[in-house]
Protein backbone atom coordinates (compact mmCIF):
# COMPACT_ATOMS: atom_id res chain seq x y z
CA UNK A 1 149.59 3.26 82.82
CA UNK A 2 146.67 5.24 81.49
CA UNK A 3 144.74 3.35 78.80
CA UNK A 4 144.34 6.40 76.59
CA UNK A 5 148.10 6.99 76.73
CA UNK A 6 148.67 3.38 75.66
CA UNK A 7 146.30 3.84 72.74
CA UNK A 8 147.92 7.11 71.69
CA UNK A 9 151.41 5.55 71.89
CA UNK A 10 150.32 2.52 69.87
CA UNK A 11 148.71 4.57 67.11
CA UNK A 12 151.51 7.13 66.81
CA UNK A 13 154.18 4.42 66.92
CA UNK A 14 152.36 2.44 64.24
CA UNK A 15 152.09 5.43 61.93
CA UNK A 16 155.73 6.45 62.37
CA UNK A 17 156.95 2.88 61.88
CA UNK A 18 154.78 2.39 58.81
CA UNK A 19 156.05 5.62 57.24
CA UNK A 20 159.65 4.58 57.85
CA UNK A 21 159.03 1.01 56.72
CA UNK A 22 156.96 1.51 53.58
CA UNK A 23 158.48 4.71 52.24
CA UNK A 24 162.10 5.64 51.80
CA UNK A 25 161.73 8.44 54.36
CA UNK A 26 164.27 7.01 56.80
CA UNK A 27 166.66 6.09 53.98
CA UNK A 28 166.58 9.65 52.66
CA UNK A 29 167.03 11.18 56.11
CA UNK A 30 169.94 8.92 57.06
CA UNK A 31 171.52 9.30 53.62
CA UNK A 32 171.33 13.08 53.84
CA UNK A 33 172.92 12.99 57.29
CA UNK A 34 175.78 10.83 56.00
CA UNK A 35 175.02 7.86 58.18
CA UNK A 36 173.59 5.54 55.54
CA UNK A 37 175.83 2.74 56.88
CA UNK A 38 173.22 2.31 59.62
CA UNK A 39 170.63 1.16 57.06
CA UNK A 40 171.69 -2.48 57.39
CA UNK A 41 169.91 -2.97 60.72
CA UNK A 42 166.68 -1.16 59.85
CA UNK A 43 164.75 -4.35 59.04
CA UNK A 44 165.74 -5.83 62.39
CA UNK A 45 164.19 -2.86 64.19
CA UNK A 46 161.31 -1.66 62.00
CA UNK A 47 159.59 -4.98 61.32
CA UNK A 48 159.29 -5.99 65.01
CA UNK A 49 158.21 -2.43 65.84
CA UNK A 50 155.52 -2.75 63.18
CA UNK A 51 154.20 -5.74 65.12
CA UNK A 52 154.60 -4.29 68.63
CA UNK A 53 152.91 -0.90 68.17
CA UNK A 54 149.66 -2.20 66.60
CA UNK A 55 149.61 -4.85 69.32
CA UNK A 56 149.91 -2.13 71.93
CA UNK A 57 147.05 -0.21 70.34
CA UNK A 58 144.90 -3.36 70.20
CA UNK A 59 145.60 -4.04 73.89
CA UNK A 60 144.56 -0.49 74.78
CA UNK A 61 141.31 -0.83 72.79
CA UNK A 62 140.62 -4.12 74.59
CA UNK A 63 141.18 -2.43 77.96
CA UNK A 64 138.93 0.51 77.04
CA UNK A 65 136.12 -1.84 75.98
CA UNK A 66 136.52 -3.94 79.12
CA UNK A 67 136.31 -0.81 81.29
CA UNK A 68 133.22 0.34 79.39
CA UNK A 69 131.51 -3.03 79.92
CA UNK A 70 132.22 -2.94 83.63
CA UNK A 71 130.85 0.56 83.91
CA UNK A 72 134.11 1.85 85.30
CA UNK A 73 134.63 5.57 85.05
CA UNK A 74 136.85 6.67 82.19
CA UNK A 75 140.42 7.39 83.30
CA UNK A 76 141.49 11.02 83.58
CA UNK A 77 143.71 12.43 80.90
């Protein structure tokens, strides 16, 4: 997979997960849709996602730095 795509996915996933985890955005959306019964499992999904996405971004940064040290050409977009 392209390193820049990994980085983009990690950053966007981190931001979306943080917004849903630290603000009541997801609670309001699900409550307005009438499916607030699904709120019981949010912690089981959001907290691991909040660990996975920053980890993915960190891995992509590590790969970019390693490629830069080796003098490898930057991957195409």
